[in-house]
Amino acid sequence: MRRKYRLKSSVDFQSVYTKGRSVANKAAVLYVLPQKPSVDPTRVGFAAGKKLGKAVVRNRMRRRIREAVRLLWTRVKPGYLLIVIARQGAKDMPFQQLQARVTELFERAGVLRAEGQGS
């Protein structure tokens, strides 16, 4: 995933946490804040709390979730700020199952286009 689509600043994270809505399952939590689609591309940030484990484990979880989102990226609608937070249940989950759970979150949040639609 390109860096221009990443959410990095703590101000952006804080505004998504406070103004956005959340959807969760066993693997992750997704925070969504709609923006103006004509002006803003969708940007996504990734987080993993200290409850998951030490830095190596947290970094691995962020990488795995980032890859699951990257594989979905062509279907994501423009104009959103997103944050995906890894949960304990994702730690021992096989990648295919993790990818399915992340896709489910994005569908429930309404940020995915239909399969047949182009970009």
Protein backbone atom coordinates (compact mmCIF):
# COMPACT_ATOMS: atom_id res chain seq x y z
CA MET A 1 0.00 0.00 0.00
CA ARG A 2 1.33 3.42 -0.92
CA ARG A 3 2.38 5.77 1.84
CA LYS A 4 0.10 8.56 0.59
CA TYR A 5 -2.85 6.38 1.64
CA ARG A 6 -1.54 5.96 5.20
CA LEU A 7 -2.89 7.79 8.19
CA LYS A 8 0.08 8.87 10.30
CA SER A 9 -0.50 11.95 12.45
CA SER A 10 -1.79 11.61 15.98
CA VAL A 11 -4.24 14.47 15.31
CA ASP A 12 -5.84 12.45 12.49
CA PHE A 13 -5.96 9.33 14.67
CA GLN A 14 -7.58 11.28 17.50
CA SER A 15 -10.23 12.83 15.25
CA VAL A 16 -11.16 9.42 13.83
CA TYR A 17 -11.39 7.95 17.34
CA THR A 18 -13.59 10.77 18.66
CA LYS A 19 -15.78 11.61 15.63
CA GLY A 20 -15.87 8.28 13.79
CA ARG A 21 -17.87 5.14 14.34
CA SER A 22 -16.50 1.67 14.99
CA VAL A 23 -17.17 -1.87 13.85
CA ALA A 24 -15.50 -4.84 15.56
CA ASN A 25 -15.08 -8.58 15.39
CA LYS A 26 -12.74 -11.11 17.00
CA ALA A 27 -9.74 -10.16 14.84
CA ALA A 28 -9.83 -6.36 14.73
CA VAL A 29 -11.67 -3.09 15.28
CA LEU A 30 -12.30 -0.71 12.38
CA TYR A 31 -12.90 3.01 13.02
CA VAL A 32 -14.47 4.92 10.11
CA LEU A 33 -14.77 8.68 9.56
CA PRO A 34 -16.33 9.85 6.26
CA GLN A 35 -14.63 12.72 4.39
CA LYS A 36 -15.37 14.50 1.12
CA PRO A 37 -14.79 11.81 -1.55
CA SER A 38 -14.16 14.33 -4.35
CA VAL A 39 -11.32 15.97 -2.42
CA ASP A 40 -9.83 13.36 -0.11
CA PRO A 41 -8.57 9.89 -0.96
CA THR A 42 -9.24 7.19 1.60
CA ARG A 43 -6.41 6.92 4.11
CA VAL A 44 -5.88 4.12 6.60
CA GLY A 45 -3.90 3.80 9.83
CA PHE A 46 -2.93 0.65 11.70
CA ALA A 47 -2.53 0.06 15.43
CA ALA A 48 -1.84 -2.76 17.85
CA GLY A 49 -2.10 -2.24 21.61
CA LYS A 50 0.39 -3.42 24.20
CA LYS A 51 -2.03 -6.11 25.37
CA LEU A 52 -1.11 -8.07 22.23
CA GLY A 53 2.45 -8.60 23.38
CA LYS A 54 5.92 -7.20 22.93
CA ALA A 55 7.00 -5.04 19.99
CA VAL A 56 7.84 -7.98 17.73
CA VAL A 57 4.32 -9.40 18.08
CA ARG A 58 2.63 -6.00 17.66
CA ASN A 59 4.66 -5.22 14.54
CA ARG A 60 3.84 -8.63 13.05
CA MET A 61 0.13 -8.05 13.65
CA ARG A 62 0.27 -4.62 12.01
CA ARG A 63 2.09 -6.08 8.99
CA ARG A 64 -0.42 -8.91 8.60
CA ILE A 65 -3.43 -6.58 8.86
CA ARG A 66 -1.78 -4.08 6.52
CA GLU A 67 -1.36 -6.84 3.94
CA ALA A 68 -5.01 -7.92 4.32
CA VAL A 69 -6.11 -4.32 3.73
CA ARG A 70 -3.71 -3.94 0.79
CA LEU A 71 -5.34 -6.92 -0.93
CA LEU A 72 -8.76 -5.22 -0.50
CA TRP A 73 -7.63 -1.72 -1.42
CA THR A 74 -8.97 -1.70 -5.00
CA ARG A 75 -12.51 -2.23 -3.62
CA VAL A 76 -12.38 0.53 -0.97
CA LYS A 77 -14.51 3.60 -1.70
CA PRO A 78 -12.79 7.03 -1.71
CA GLY A 79 -13.35 9.63 0.98
CA TYR A 80 -12.79 7.88 4.31
CA LEU A 81 -10.33 7.97 7.17
CA LEU A 82 -9.93 4.45 8.56
CA ILE A 83 -8.09 2.95 11.51
CA VAL A 84 -7.67 -0.80 11.90
CA ILE A 85 -6.69 -2.02 15.36
CA ALA A 86 -5.50 -5.60 15.83
CA ARG A 87 -7.11 -7.65 18.59
CA GLN A 88 -5.95 -10.62 20.62
CA GLY A 89 -7.98 -13.07 18.52
CA ALA A 90 -5.94 -12.24 15.41
CA LYS A 91 -2.65 -13.35 16.97
CA ASP A 92 -2.89 -17.07 16.18
CA MET A 93 -5.32 -16.77 13.27
CA PRO A 94 -4.20 -18.14 9.87
CA PHE A 95 -3.78 -15.37 7.29
CA GLN A 96 -6.71 -16.50 5.11
CA GLN A 97 -9.05 -16.32 8.08
CA LEU A 98 -7.62 -12.94 9.14
CA GLN A 99 -8.14 -11.62 5.63
CA ALA A 100 -11.76 -12.83 5.66
CA ARG A 101 -12.37 -11.13 9.04
CA VAL A 102 -10.88 -7.83 7.83
CA THR A 103 -12.99 -7.99 4.66
CA GLU A 104 -16.07 -8.63 6.81
CA LEU A 105 -15.30 -5.51 8.87
CA PHE A 106 -14.95 -3.34 5.78
CA GLU A 107 -18.22 -4.70 4.36
CA ARG A 108 -20.10 -4.11 7.63
CA ALA A 109 -18.75 -0.55 7.76
CA GLY A 110 -19.97 0.07 4.20
CA VAL A 111 -16.63 1.22 2.79
CA LEU A 112 -16.33 -1.40 0.03
CA ARG A 113 -17.62 -1.19 -3.53
CA ALA A 114 -19.52 -4.13 -4.95
CA GLU A 115 -17.23 -6.84 -6.41
CA GLY A 116 -18.12 -6.10 -10.04
CA GLN A 117 -17.56 -2.33 -9.90
CA GLY A 118 -14.32 -0.89 -11.22
CA SER A 119 -12.23 1.83 -9.63
